[in-house]
Amino acid sequence: MTDMDGIDAQVAPSGTGCLDCETDGSWWFHLRRCALCGHIGCCDDSLNGHATAHATSTGHPIVQSFEPGESWFFDYRTDGMFTGPVLAPPHEHPSAQPTPGPGDRVPGDWQQLLLDHRSR
């Protein structure tokens, strides 16, 4: 369980994809939403781990999954998952958006790239 000081349920997400990957032309595996400011970042299984980088650089301690059908929260302070409040919509990236995404930037060997990344 966690306290709710890292959550602002009224803040909308920053977009439908990883804000940082969009900026640098990269791609993501899964998406996470900062529960305090709405920043959308890619998960740690992605090549860049922008969600964790955002939490580290800003001190915003909680993310929620931004994947369809997932509503769990993760607290970086406790390294634990929990159930939290309903955040401002939308609650997930569009169902037509592929995973990984965005589709036009995902390399054909993406699975091998992620496996190699995890083994580092």
PDB file of N, CA and C in Angstrom:
ATOM      1  N   MET A   1       0.842  -1.181   0.000  1.00  0.00           N
ATOM      2  CA  MET A   1       0.000   0.000   0.000  1.00  0.00           C
ATOM      3  C   MET A   1       0.880   1.234   0.000  1.00  0.00           C
ATOM      4  N   THR A   2       0.342   2.328  -0.421  1.00  0.00           N
ATOM      5  CA  THR A   2       1.102   3.567  -0.506  1.00  0.00           C
ATOM      6  C   THR A   2       0.227   4.723  -0.060  1.00  0.00           C
ATOM      7  N   ASP A   3       0.853   5.862   0.275  1.00  0.00           N
ATOM      8  CA  ASP A   3       0.041   7.046   0.507  1.00  0.00           C
ATOM      9  C   ASP A   3      -0.211   7.708  -0.851  1.00  0.00           C
ATOM     10  N   MET A   4      -1.130   8.626  -0.901  1.00  0.00           N
ATOM     11  CA  MET A   4      -1.551   9.199  -2.174  1.00  0.00           C
ATOM     12  C   MET A   4      -0.887  10.537  -2.488  1.00  0.00           C
ATOM     13  N   ASP A   5       0.203  10.887  -1.797  1.00  0.00           N
ATOM     14  CA  ASP A   5       0.828  12.184  -2.032  1.00  0.00           C
ATOM     15  C   ASP A   5       1.522  12.288  -3.382  1.00  0.00           C
ATOM     16  N   GLY A   6       1.668  11.211  -4.111  1.00  0.00           N
ATOM     17  CA  GLY A   6       2.272  11.239  -5.445  1.00  0.00           C
ATOM     18  C   GLY A   6       1.248  11.114  -6.552  1.00  0.00           C
ATOM     19  N   ILE A   7      -0.024  11.410  -6.261  1.00  0.00           N
ATOM     20  CA  ILE A   7      -1.092  11.246  -7.247  1.00  0.00           C
ATOM     21  C   ILE A   7      -1.924  12.524  -7.334  1.00  0.00           C
ATOM     22  N   ASP A   8      -2.170  12.960  -8.565  1.00  0.00           N
ATOM     23  CA  ASP A   8      -3.135  14.017  -8.829  1.00  0.00           C
ATOM     24  C   ASP A   8      -4.125  13.442  -9.837  1.00  0.00           C
ATOM     25  N   ALA A   9      -5.262  13.003  -9.357  1.00  0.00           N
ATOM     26  CA  ALA A   9      -6.237  12.301 -10.190  1.00  0.00           C
ATOM     27  C   ALA A   9      -6.882  13.192 -11.242  1.00  0.00           C
ATOM     28  N   GLN A  10      -6.690  14.493 -11.162  1.00  0.00           N
ATOM     29  CA  GLN A  10      -7.324  15.416 -12.104  1.00  0.00           C
ATOM     30  C   GLN A  10      -6.483  15.701 -13.349  1.00  0.00           C
ATOM     31  N   VAL A  11      -5.221  15.323 -13.346  1.00  0.00           N
ATOM     32  CA  VAL A  11      -4.313  15.647 -14.452  1.00  0.00           C
ATOM     33  C   VAL A  11      -4.455  14.626 -15.580  1.00  0.00           C
ATOM     34  N   ALA A  12      -4.679  15.125 -16.783  1.00  0.00           N
ATOM     35  CA  ALA A  12      -4.790  14.260 -17.964  1.00  0.00           C
ATOM     36  C   ALA A  12      -3.401  13.804 -18.424  1.00  0.00           C
ATOM     37  N   PRO A  13      -3.326  12.684 -19.137  1.00  0.00           N
ATOM     38  CA  PRO A  13      -2.042  12.230 -19.661  1.00  0.00           C
ATOM     39  C   PRO A  13      -1.473  13.185 -20.711  1.00  0.00           C
ATOM     40  N   SER A  14      -0.162  13.143 -20.878  1.00  0.00           N
ATOM     41  CA  SER A  14       0.527  14.060 -21.791  1.00  0.00           C
ATOM     42  C   SER A  14       0.314  13.723 -23.258  1.00  0.00           C
ATOM     43  N   GLY A  15      -0.225  12.572 -23.554  1.00  0.00           N
ATOM     44  CA  GLY A  15      -0.449  12.150 -24.936  1.00  0.00           C
ATOM     45  C   GLY A  15      -0.800  10.686 -24.975  1.00  0.00           C
ATOM     46  N   THR A  16      -0.601  10.062 -26.131  1.00  0.00           N
ATOM     47  CA  THR A  16      -0.943   8.642 -26.282  1.00  0.00           C
ATOM     48  C   THR A  16       0.282   7.754 -26.426  1.00  0.00           C
ATOM     49  N   GLY A  17       1.457   8.354 -26.479  1.00  0.00           N
ATOM     50  CA  GLY A  17       2.703   7.605 -26.588  1.00  0.00           C
ATOM     51  C   GLY A  17       3.754   8.199 -25.688  1.00  0.00           C
ATOM     52  N   CYS A  18       4.907   7.546 -25.629  1.00  0.00           N
ATOM     53  CA  CYS A  18       6.009   8.037 -24.794  1.00  0.00           C
ATOM     54  C   CYS A  18       6.463   9.400 -25.309  1.00  0.00           C
ATOM     55  N   LEU A  19       6.319  10.397 -24.464  1.00  0.00           N
ATOM     56  CA  LEU A  19       6.664  11.766 -24.828  1.00  0.00           C
ATOM     57  C   LEU A  19       8.130  11.876 -25.245  1.00  0.00           C
ATOM     58  N   ASP A  20       9.022  11.202 -24.539  1.00  0.00           N
ATOM     59  CA  ASP A  20      10.452  11.288 -24.831  1.00  0.00           C
ATOM     60  C   ASP A  20      10.834  10.512 -26.087  1.00  0.00           C
ATOM     61  N   CYS A  21      10.234   9.338 -26.303  1.00  0.00           N
ATOM     62  CA  CYS A  21      10.489   8.592 -27.540  1.00  0.00           C
ATOM     63  C   CYS A  21       9.989   9.371 -28.745  1.00  0.00           C
ATOM     64  N   GLU A  22       8.852  10.045 -28.590  1.00  0.00           N
ATOM     65  CA  GLU A  22       8.346  10.873 -29.685  1.00  0.00           C
ATOM     66  C   GLU A  22       9.346  11.983 -30.011  1.00  0.00           C
ATOM     67  N   THR A  23       9.955  12.551 -28.990  1.00  0.00           N
ATOM     68  CA  THR A  23      10.922  13.632 -29.183  1.00  0.00           C
ATOM     69  C   THR A  23      12.193  13.143 -29.859  1.00  0.00           C
ATOM     70  N   ASP A  24      12.695  11.966 -29.442  1.00  0.00           N
ATOM     71  CA  ASP A  24      13.968  11.498 -29.996  1.00  0.00           C
ATOM     72  C   ASP A  24      13.830  10.505 -31.152  1.00  0.00           C
ATOM     73  N   GLY A  25      12.593  10.240 -31.591  1.00  0.00           N
ATOM     74  CA  GLY A  25      12.378   9.365 -32.742  1.00  0.00           C
ATOM     75  C   GLY A  25      12.526   7.885 -32.454  1.00  0.00           C
ATOM     76  N   SER A  26      12.448   7.512 -31.184  1.00  0.00           N
ATOM     77  CA  SER A  26      12.597   6.122 -30.781  1.00  0.00           C
ATOM     78  C   SER A  26      11.236   5.427 -30.754  1.00  0.00           C
ATOM     79  N   TRP A  27      11.179   4.252 -30.157  1.00  0.00           N
ATOM     80  CA  TRP A  27       9.954   3.461 -30.047  1.00  0.00           C
ATOM     81  C   TRP A  27       9.892   2.853 -28.662  1.00  0.00           C
ATOM     82  N   TRP A  28       8.725   2.348 -28.285  1.00  0.00           N
ATOM     83  CA  TRP A  28       8.517   1.818 -26.935  1.00  0.00           C
ATOM     84  C   TRP A  28       7.873   0.452 -26.982  1.00  0.00           C
ATOM     85  N   PHE A  29       7.971  -0.243 -25.847  1.00  0.00           N
ATOM     86  CA  PHE A  29       7.316  -1.540 -25.688  1.00  0.00           C
ATOM     87  C   PHE A  29       5.976  -1.339 -24.991  1.00  0.00           C
ATOM     88  N   HIS A  30       6.002  -0.946 -23.718  1.00  0.00           N
ATOM     89  CA  HIS A  30       4.774  -0.637 -22.977  1.00  0.00           C
ATOM     90  C   HIS A  30       4.870   0.768 -22.401  1.00  0.00           C
ATOM     91  N   LEU A  31       3.704   1.320 -22.050  1.00  0.00           N
ATOM     92  CA  LEU A  31       3.656   2.709 -21.596  1.00  0.00           C
ATOM     93  C   LEU A  31       3.222   2.813 -20.142  1.00  0.00           C
ATOM     94  N   ARG A  32       3.771   3.826 -19.460  1.00  0.00           N
ATOM     95  CA  ARG A  32       3.436   4.142 -18.083  1.00  0.00           C
ATOM     96  C   ARG A  32       3.078   5.620 -17.991  1.00  0.00           C
ATOM     97  N   ARG A  33       2.165   5.935 -17.082  1.00  0.00           N
ATOM     98  CA  ARG A  33       1.680   7.302 -16.898  1.00  0.00           C
ATOM     99  C   ARG A  33       2.069   7.800 -15.517  1.00  0.00           C
ATOM    100  N   CYS A  34       2.733   8.938 -15.445  1.00  0.00           N
ATOM    101  CA  CYS A  34       3.046   9.542 -14.152  1.00  0.00           C
ATOM    102  C   CYS A  34       1.731   9.944 -13.492  1.00  0.00           C
ATOM    103  N   ALA A  35       1.517   9.471 -12.286  1.00  0.00           N
ATOM    104  CA  ALA A  35       0.258   9.730 -11.590  1.00  0.00           C
ATOM    105  C   ALA A  35       0.184  11.141 -11.016  1.00  0.00           C
ATOM    106  N   LEU A  36       1.287  11.870 -11.056  1.00  0.00           N
ATOM    107  CA  LEU A  36       1.290  13.226 -10.527  1.00  0.00           C
ATOM    108  C   LEU A  36       1.128  14.278 -11.624  1.00  0.00           C
ATOM    109  N   CYS A  37       1.855  14.130 -12.737  1.00  0.00           N
ATOM    110  CA  CYS A  37       1.812  15.171 -13.780  1.00  0.00           C
ATOM    111  C   CYS A  37       1.265  14.679 -15.112  1.00  0.00           C
ATOM    112  N   GLY A  38       1.024  13.365 -15.264  1.00  0.00           N
ATOM    113  CA  GLY A  38       0.452  12.834 -16.491  1.00  0.00           C
ATOM    114  C   GLY A  38       1.460  12.482 -17.574  1.00  0.00           C
ATOM    115  N   HIS A  39       2.751  12.690 -17.331  1.00  0.00           N
ATOM    116  CA  HIS A  39       3.785  12.385 -18.327  1.00  0.00           C
ATOM    117  C   HIS A  39       3.696  10.908 -18.741  1.00  0.00           C
ATOM    118  N   ILE A  40       3.606  10.654 -20.033  1.00  0.00           N
ATOM    119  CA  ILE A  40       3.617   9.286 -20.537  1.00  0.00           C
ATOM    120  C   ILE A  40       5.047   8.935 -20.905  1.00  0.00           C
ATOM    121  N   GLY A  41       5.543   7.833 -20.346  1.00  0.00           N
ATOM    122  CA  GLY A  41       6.889   7.357 -20.629  1.00  0.00           C
ATOM    123  C   GLY A  41       6.873   5.867 -20.894  1.00  0.00           C
ATOM    124  N   CYS A  42       7.931   5.384 -21.511  1.00  0.00           N
ATOM    125  CA  CYS A  42       8.025   3.954 -21.803  1.00  0.00           C
ATOM    126  C   CYS A  42       8.536   3.186 -20.583  1.00  0.00           C
ATOM    127  N   CYS A  43       8.170   1.914 -20.522  1.00  0.00           N
ATOM    128  CA  CYS A  43       8.496   1.060 -19.385  1.00  0.00           C
ATOM    129  C   CYS A  43       9.976   0.680 -19.374  1.00  0.00           C
ATOM    130  N   ASP A  44      10.412   0.058 -18.300  1.00  0.00           N
ATOM    131  CA  ASP A  44      11.807  -0.363 -18.174  1.00  0.00           C
ATOM    132  C   ASP A  44      12.167  -1.499 -19.114  1.00  0.00           C
ATOM    133  N   ASP A  45      11.189  -2.222 -19.638  1.00  0.00           N
ATOM    134  CA  ASP A  45      11.472  -3.249 -20.632  1.00  0.00           C
ATOM    135  C   ASP A  45      11.687  -2.645 -22.015  1.00  0.00           C
ATOM    136  N   SER A  46      11.364  -1.366 -22.186  1.00  0.00           N
ATOM    137  CA  SER A  46      11.659  -0.650 -23.426  1.00  0.00           C
ATOM    138  C   SER A  46      13.144  -0.315 -23.442  1.00  0.00           C
ATOM    139  N   LEU A  47      13.653   0.072 -24.581  1.00  0.00           N
ATOM    140  CA  LEU A  47      15.089   0.366 -24.682  1.00  0.00           C
ATOM    141  C   LEU A  47      15.510   1.572 -23.850  1.00  0.00           C
ATOM    142  N   ASN A  48      14.592   2.524 -23.630  1.00  0.00           N
ATOM    143  CA  ASN A  48      14.979   3.786 -22.999  1.00  0.00           C
ATOM    144  C   ASN A  48      14.523   3.974 -21.557  1.00  0.00           C
ATOM    145  N   GLY A  49      13.513   3.265 -21.103  1.00  0.00           N
ATOM    146  CA  GLY A  49      13.052   3.397 -19.721  1.00  0.00           C
ATOM    147  C   GLY A  49      12.709   4.813 -19.318  1.00  0.00           C
ATOM    148  N   HIS A  50      12.008   5.527 -20.192  1.00  0.00           N
ATOM    149  CA  HIS A  50      11.725   6.938 -19.926  1.00  0.00           C
ATOM    150  C   HIS A  50      10.810   7.180 -18.732  1.00  0.00           C
ATOM    151  N   ALA A  51       9.929   6.251 -18.392  1.00  0.00           N
ATOM    152  CA  ALA A  51       9.050   6.463 -17.230  1.00  0.00           C
ATOM    153  C   ALA A  51       9.873   6.525 -15.943  1.00  0.00           C
ATOM    154  N   THR A  52      10.801   5.596 -15.789  1.00  0.00           N
ATOM    155  CA  THR A  52      11.661   5.604 -14.600  1.00  0.00           C
ATOM    156  C   THR A  52      12.585   6.816 -14.616  1.00  0.00           C
ATOM    157  N   ALA A  53      13.102   7.173 -15.784  1.00  0.00           N
ATOM    158  CA  ALA A  53      13.960   8.361 -15.881  1.00  0.00           C
ATOM    159  C   ALA A  53      13.188   9.610 -15.459  1.00  0.00           C
ATOM    160  N   HIS A  54      11.923   9.692 -15.858  1.00  0.00           N
ATOM    161  CA  HIS A  54      11.089  10.828 -15.451  1.00  0.00           C
ATOM    162  C   HIS A  54      10.913  10.841 -13.929  1.00  0.00           C
ATOM    163  N   ALA A  55      10.611   9.699 -13.353  1.00  0.00           N
ATOM    164  CA  ALA A  55      10.429   9.617 -11.901  1.00  0.00           C
ATOM    165  C   ALA A  55      11.708  10.023 -11.168  1.00  0.00           C
ATOM    166  N   THR A  56      12.835   9.588 -11.669  1.00  0.00           N
ATOM    167  CA  THR A  56      14.117   9.902 -11.046  1.00  0.00           C
ATOM    168  C   THR A  56      14.442  11.391 -11.146  1.00  0.00           C
ATOM    169  N   SER A  57      14.212  11.966 -12.318  1.00  0.00           N
ATOM    170  CA  SER A  57      14.591  13.364 -12.514  1.00  0.00           C
ATOM    171  C   SER A  57      13.623  14.351 -11.849  1.00  0.00           C
ATOM    172  N   THR A  58      12.368  13.962 -11.688  1.00  0.00           N
ATOM    173  CA  THR A  58      11.374  14.886 -11.132  1.00  0.00           C
ATOM    174  C   THR A  58      11.019  14.605  -9.676  1.00  0.00           C
ATOM    175  N   GLY A  59      11.290  13.379  -9.219  1.00  0.00           N
ATOM    176  CA  GLY A  59      10.861  12.981  -7.882  1.00  0.00           C
ATOM    177  C   GLY A  59       9.395  12.574  -7.829  1.00  0.00           C
ATOM    178  N   HIS A  60       8.749  12.455  -8.980  1.00  0.00           N
ATOM    179  CA  HIS A  60       7.360  11.992  -9.021  1.00  0.00           C
ATOM    180  C   HIS A  60       7.369  10.480  -8.800  1.00  0.00           C
ATOM    181  N   PRO A  61       6.804  10.002  -7.705  1.00  0.00           N
ATOM    182  CA  PRO A  61       7.061   8.641  -7.250  1.00  0.00           C
ATOM    183  C   PRO A  61       6.157   7.536  -7.786  1.00  0.00           C
ATOM    184  N   ILE A  62       5.069   7.873  -8.475  1.00  0.00           N
ATOM    185  CA  ILE A  62       4.083   6.835  -8.802  1.00  0.00           C
ATOM    186  C   ILE A  62       3.733   6.871 -10.282  1.00  0.00           C
ATOM    187  N   VAL A  63       3.668   5.679 -10.888  1.00  0.00           N
ATOM    188  CA  VAL A  63       3.181   5.538 -12.258  1.00  0.00           C
ATOM    189  C   VAL A  63       2.006   4.575 -12.264  1.00  0.00           C
ATOM    190  N   GLN A  64       1.209   4.722 -13.314  1.00  0.00           N
ATOM    191  CA  GLN A  64       0.133   3.764 -13.568  1.00  0.00           C
ATOM    192  C   GLN A  64       0.353   3.206 -14.970  1.00  0.00           C
ATOM    193  N   SER A  65      -0.006   1.946 -15.163  1.00  0.00           N
ATOM    194  CA  SER A  65       0.058   1.380 -16.501  1.00  0.00           C
ATOM    195  C   SER A  65      -0.838   2.193 -17.431  1.00  0.00           C
ATOM    196  N   PHE A  66      -0.372   2.400 -18.652  1.00  0.00           N
ATOM    197  CA  PHE A  66      -1.167   3.084 -19.675  1.00  0.00           C
ATOM    198  C   PHE A  66      -1.490   2.110 -20.804  1.00  0.00           C
ATOM    199  N   GLU A  67      -1.537   0.828 -20.447  1.00  0.00           N
ATOM    200  CA  GLU A  67      -1.858  -0.236 -21.398  1.00  0.00           C
ATOM    201  C   GLU A  67      -3.329  -0.607 -21.289  1.00  0.00           C
ATOM    202  N   PRO A  68      -3.963  -0.934 -22.420  1.00  0.00           N
ATOM    203  CA  PRO A  68      -5.374  -1.336 -22.386  1.00  0.00           C
ATOM    204  C   PRO A  68      -5.617  -2.495 -21.417  1.00  0.00           C
ATOM    205  N   GLY A  69      -6.647  -2.349 -20.586  1.00  0.00           N
ATOM    206  CA  GLY A  69      -7.034  -3.402 -19.657  1.00  0.00           C
ATOM    207  C   GLY A  69      -6.225  -3.466 -18.373  1.00  0.00           C
ATOM    208  N   GLU A  70      -5.259  -2.574 -18.186  1.00  0.00           N
ATOM    209  CA  GLU A  70      -4.429  -2.578 -16.976  1.00  0.00           C
ATOM    210  C   GLU A  70      -4.677  -1.290 -16.189  1.00  0.00           C
ATOM    211  N   SER A  71      -4.841  -1.412 -14.881  1.00  0.00           N
ATOM    212  CA  SER A  71      -5.074  -0.215 -14.064  1.00  0.00           C
ATOM    213  C   SER A  71      -4.163  -0.155 -12.841  1.00  0.00           C
ATOM    214  N   TRP A  72      -3.164  -1.028 -12.750  1.00  0.00           N
ATOM    215  CA  TRP A  72      -2.293  -1.067 -11.578  1.00  0.00           C
ATOM    216  C   TRP A  72      -1.392   0.170 -11.501  1.00  0.00           C
ATOM    217  N   PHE A  73      -0.997   0.474 -10.277  1.00  0.00           N
ATOM    218  CA  PHE A  73      -0.057   1.551  -9.977  1.00  0.00           C
ATOM    219  C   PHE A  73       1.232   0.936  -9.447  1.00  0.00           C
ATOM    220  N   PHE A  74       2.341   1.674  -9.603  1.00  0.00           N
ATOM    221  CA  PHE A  74       3.633   1.260  -9.052  1.00  0.00           C
ATOM    222  C   PHE A  74       4.238   2.454  -8.340  1.00  0.00           C
ATOM    223  N   ASP A  75       4.713   2.223  -7.117  1.00  0.00           N
ATOM    224  CA  ASP A  75       5.327   3.263  -6.298  1.00  0.00           C
ATOM    225  C   ASP A  75       6.829   3.021  -6.254  1.00  0.00           C
ATOM    226  N   TYR A  76       7.607   3.928  -6.842  1.00  0.00           N
ATOM    227  CA  TYR A  76       9.067   3.784  -6.863  1.00  0.00           C
ATOM    228  C   TYR A  76       9.665   3.859  -5.462  1.00  0.00           C
ATOM    229  N   ARG A  77       8.996   4.536  -4.529  1.00  0.00           N
ATOM    230  CA  ARG A  77       9.526   4.660  -3.159  1.00  0.00           C
ATOM    231  C   ARG A  77       9.512   3.331  -2.433  1.00  0.00           C
ATOM    232  N   THR A  78       8.483   2.535  -2.672  1.00  0.00           N
ATOM    233  CA  THR A  78       8.347   1.253  -1.961  1.00  0.00           C
ATOM    234  C   THR A  78       8.662   0.067  -2.852  1.00  0.00           C
ATOM    235  N   ASP A  79       8.851   0.340  -4.151  1.00  0.00           N
ATOM    236  CA  ASP A  79       9.077  -0.717  -5.139  1.00  0.00           C
ATOM    237  C   ASP A  79       7.910  -1.703  -5.140  1.00  0.00           C
ATOM    238  N   GLY A  80       6.702  -1.164  -4.970  1.00  0.00           N
ATOM    239  CA  GLY A  80       5.530  -2.024  -4.870  1.00  0.00           C
ATOM    240  C   GLY A  80       4.373  -1.559  -5.726  1.00  0.00           C
ATOM    241  N   MET A  81       3.544  -2.532  -6.084  1.00  0.00           N
ATOM    242  CA  MET A  81       2.335  -2.267  -6.858  1.00  0.00           C
ATOM    243  C   MET A  81       1.156  -2.121  -5.913  1.00  0.00           C
ATOM    244  N   PHE A  82       0.148  -1.362  -6.350  1.00  0.00           N
ATOM    245  CA  PHE A  82      -1.040  -1.179  -5.530  1.00  0.00           C
ATOM    246  C   PHE A  82      -2.203  -0.761  -6.415  1.00  0.00           C
ATOM    247  N   THR A  83      -3.384  -0.761  -5.853  1.00  0.00           N
ATOM    248  CA  THR A  83      -4.592  -0.280  -6.518  1.00  0.00           C
ATOM    249  C   THR A  83      -4.839   1.137  -6.046  1.00  0.00           C
ATOM    250  N   GLY A  84      -5.068   2.052  -6.979  1.00  0.00           N
ATOM    251  CA  GLY A  84      -5.248   3.445  -6.621  1.00  0.00           C
ATOM    252  C   GLY A  84      -6.533   4.009  -7.174  1.00  0.00           C
ATOM    253  N   PRO A  85      -6.650   5.327  -7.128  1.00  0.00           N
ATOM    254  CA  PRO A  85      -7.875   5.984  -7.587  1.00  0.00           C
ATOM    255  C   PRO A  85      -7.971   5.995  -9.110  1.00  0.00           C
ATOM    256  N   VAL A  86      -9.137   6.318  -9.597  1.00  0.00           N
ATOM    257  CA  VAL A  86      -9.331   6.489 -11.043  1.00  0.00           C
ATOM    258  C   VAL A  86      -8.757   7.845 -11.433  1.00  0.00           C
ATOM    259  N   LEU A  87      -7.875   7.843 -12.422  1.00  0.00           N
ATOM    260  CA  LEU A  87      -7.259   9.077 -12.900  1.00  0.00           C
ATOM    261  C   LEU A  87      -8.086   9.674 -14.034  1.00  0.00           C
ATOM    262  N   ALA A  88      -7.800  10.915 -14.367  1.00  0.00           N
ATOM    263  CA  ALA A  88      -8.498  11.587 -15.471  1.00  0.00           C
ATOM    264  C   ALA A  88      -8.284  10.814 -16.769  1.00  0.00           C
ATOM    265  N   PRO A  89      -9.293  10.753 -17.614  1.00  0.00           N
ATOM    266  CA  PRO A  89      -9.159  10.024 -18.876  1.00  0.00           C
ATOM    267  C   PRO A  89      -8.253  10.766 -19.870  1.00  0.00           C
ATOM    268  N   PRO A  90      -7.775  10.041 -20.874  1.00  0.00           N
ATOM    269  CA  PRO A  90      -7.963   8.618 -21.120  1.00  0.00           C
ATOM    270  C   PRO A  90      -7.099   7.770 -20.193  1.00  0.00           C
ATOM    271  N   HIS A  91      -7.475   6.520 -20.000  1.00  0.00           N
ATOM    272  CA  HIS A  91      -6.815   5.617 -19.063  1.00  0.00           C
ATOM    273  C   HIS A  91      -5.831   4.674 -19.726  1.00  0.00           C
ATOM    274  N   GLU A  92      -5.780   4.711 -21.048  1.00  0.00           N
ATOM    275  CA  GLU A  92      -4.896   3.813 -21.797  1.00  0.00           C
ATOM    276  C   GLU A  92      -4.634   4.413 -23.166  1.00  0.00           C
ATOM    277  N   HIS A  93      -3.596   3.914 -23.813  1.00  0.00           N
ATOM    278  CA  HIS A  93      -3.363   4.381 -25.178  1.00  0.00           C
ATOM    279  C   HIS A  93      -4.454   3.820 -26.081  1.00  0.00           C
ATOM    280  N   PRO A  94      -4.688   4.433 -27.243  1.00  0.00           N
ATOM    281  CA  PRO A  94      -5.748   3.941 -28.129  1.00  0.00           C
ATOM    282  C   PRO A  94      -5.546   2.464 -28.488  1.00  0.00           C
ATOM    283  N   SER A  95      -6.618   1.710 -28.528  1.00  0.00           N
ATOM    284  CA  SER A  95      -6.506   0.278 -28.816  1.00  0.00           C
ATOM    285  C   SER A  95      -5.966   0.019 -30.217  1.00  0.00           C
ATOM    286  N   ALA A  96      -6.120   0.958 -31.129  1.00  0.00           N
ATOM    287  CA  ALA A  96      -5.584   0.794 -32.480  1.00  0.00           C
ATOM    288  C   ALA A  96      -4.074   1.047 -32.544  1.00  0.00           C
ATOM    289  N   GLN A  97      -3.507   1.607 -31.494  1.00  0.00           N
ATOM    290  CA  GLN A  97      -2.062   1.877 -31.445  1.00  0.00           C
ATOM    291  C   GLN A  97      -1.344   0.569 -31.133  1.00  0.00           C
ATOM    292  N   PRO A  98      -0.429   0.142 -31.973  1.00  0.00           N
ATOM    293  CA  PRO A  98       0.209  -1.159 -31.761  1.00  0.00           C
ATOM    294  C   PRO A  98       1.154  -1.166 -30.565  1.00  0.00           C
ATOM    295  N   THR A  99       1.365  -2.354 -30.052  1.00  0.00           N
ATOM    296  CA  THR A  99       2.369  -2.600 -29.015  1.00  0.00           C
ATOM    297  C   THR A  99       3.319  -3.652 -29.558  1.00  0.00           C
ATOM    298  N   PRO A 100       4.608  -3.329 -29.704  1.00  0.00           N
ATOM    299  CA  PRO A 100       5.225  -2.032 -29.424  1.00  0.00           C
ATOM    300  C   PRO A 100       4.797  -0.977 -30.432  1.00  0.00           C
ATOM    301  N   GLY A 101       5.159   0.243 -30.136  1.00  0.00           N
ATOM    302  CA  GLY A 101       4.741   1.330 -31.005  1.00  0.00           C
ATOM    303  C   GLY A 101       5.744   2.468 -31.005  1.00  0.00           C
ATOM    304  N   PRO A 102       5.512   3.456 -31.798  1.00  0.00           N
ATOM    305  CA  PRO A 102       4.517   3.489 -32.856  1.00  0.00           C
ATOM    306  C   PRO A 102       4.945   2.585 -34.009  1.00  0.00           C
ATOM    307  N   GLY A 103       3.961   2.036 -34.688  1.00  0.00           N
ATOM    308  CA  GLY A 103       4.204   0.997 -35.692  1.00  0.00           C
ATOM    309  C   GLY A 103       5.209   1.356 -36.758  1.00  0.00           C
ATOM    310  N   ASP A 104       5.261   2.608 -37.156  1.00  0.00           N
ATOM    311  CA  ASP A 104       6.170   2.992 -38.240  1.00  0.00           C
ATOM    312  C   ASP A 104       7.629   3.112 -37.803  1.00  0.00           C
ATOM    313  N   ARG A 105       7.903   3.034 -36.492  1.00  0.00           N
ATOM    314  CA  ARG A 105       9.291   3.154 -36.014  1.00  0.00           C
ATOM    315  C   ARG A 105       9.822   1.876 -35.365  1.00  0.00           C
ATOM    316  N   VAL A 106       8.989   0.852 -35.249  1.00  0.00           N
ATOM    317  CA  VAL A 106       9.420  -0.374 -34.591  1.00  0.00           C
ATOM    318  C   VAL A 106      10.218  -1.216 -35.589  1.00  0.00           C
ATOM    319  N   PRO A 107      11.476  -1.539 -35.262  1.00  0.00           N
ATOM    320  CA  PRO A 107      12.277  -2.333 -36.193  1.00  0.00           C
ATOM    321  C   PRO A 107      11.787  -3.781 -36.257  1.00  0.00           C
ATOM    322  N   GLY A 108      12.065  -4.430 -37.348  1.00  0.00           N
ATOM    323  CA  GLY A 108      11.642  -5.811 -37.542  1.00  0.00           C
ATOM    324  C   GLY A 108      12.213  -6.767 -36.512  1.00  0.00           C
ATOM    325  N   ASP A 109      13.389  -6.469 -35.977  1.00  0.00           N
ATOM    326  CA  ASP A 109      14.030  -7.345 -34.987  1.00  0.00           C
ATOM    327  C   ASP A 109      13.814  -6.850 -33.558  1.00  0.00           C
ATOM    328  N   TRP A 110      12.673  -6.206 -33.296  1.00  0.00           N
ATOM    329  CA  TRP A 110      12.414  -5.585 -31.996  1.00  0.00           C
ATOM    330  C   TRP A 110      12.495  -6.573 -30.843  1.00  0.00           C
ATOM    331  N   GLN A 111      12.020  -7.800 -31.045  1.00  0.00           N
ATOM    332  CA  GLN A 111      12.056  -8.788 -29.953  1.00  0.00           C
ATOM    333  C   GLN A 111      13.489  -9.096 -29.551  1.00  0.00           C
ATOM    334  N   GLN A 112      14.367  -9.276 -30.518  1.00  0.00           N
ATOM    335  CA  GLN A 112      15.768  -9.545 -30.213  1.00  0.00           C
ATOM    336  C   GLN A 112      16.426  -8.340 -29.550  1.00  0.00           C
ATOM    337  N   LEU A 113      16.096  -7.153 -30.018  1.00  0.00           N
ATOM    338  CA  LEU A 113      16.648  -5.940 -29.391  1.00  0.00           C
ATOM    339  C   LEU A 113      16.262  -5.846 -27.923  1.00  0.00           C
ATOM    340  N   LEU A 114      15.007  -6.169 -27.607  1.00  0.00           N
ATOM    341  CA  LEU A 114      14.575  -6.119 -26.206  1.00  0.00           C
ATOM    342  C   LEU A 114      15.237  -7.219 -25.385  1.00  0.00           C
ATOM    343  N   LEU A 115      15.399  -8.408 -25.949  1.00  0.00           N
ATOM    344  CA  LEU A 115      16.100  -9.492 -25.243  1.00  0.00           C
ATOM    345  C   LEU A 115      17.546  -9.096 -24.958  1.00  0.00           C
ATOM    346  N   ASP A 116      18.211  -8.530 -25.957  1.00  0.00           N
ATOM    347  CA  ASP A 116      19.597  -8.080 -25.760  1.00  0.00           C
ATOM    348  C   ASP A 116      19.669  -6.992 -24.702  1.00  0.00           C
ATOM    349  N   HIS A 117      18.705  -6.099 -24.704  1.00  0.00           N
ATOM    350  CA  HIS A 117      18.664  -4.999 -23.724  1.00  0.00           C
ATOM    351  C   HIS A 117      18.502  -5.541 -22.313  1.00  0.00           C
ATOM    352  N   ARG A 118      17.638  -6.518 -22.127  1.00  0.00           N
ATOM    353  CA  ARG A 118      17.393  -7.102 -20.796  1.00  0.00           C
ATOM    354  C   ARG A 118      18.608  -7.844 -20.268  1.00  0.00           C
ATOM    355  N   SER A 119      19.417  -8.398 -21.166  1.00  0.00           N
ATOM    356  CA  SER A 119      20.559  -9.198 -20.716  1.00  0.00           C
ATOM    357  C   SER A 119      21.760  -8.339 -20.317  1.00  0.00           C
ATOM    358  N   ARG A 120      21.660  -7.026 -20.501  1.00  0.00           N
ATOM    359  CA  ARG A 120      22.776  -6.134 -20.116  1.00  0.00           C
ATOM    360  C   ARG A 120      22.790  -5.884 -18.644  1.00  0.00           C
TER     361      ARG A 120
END
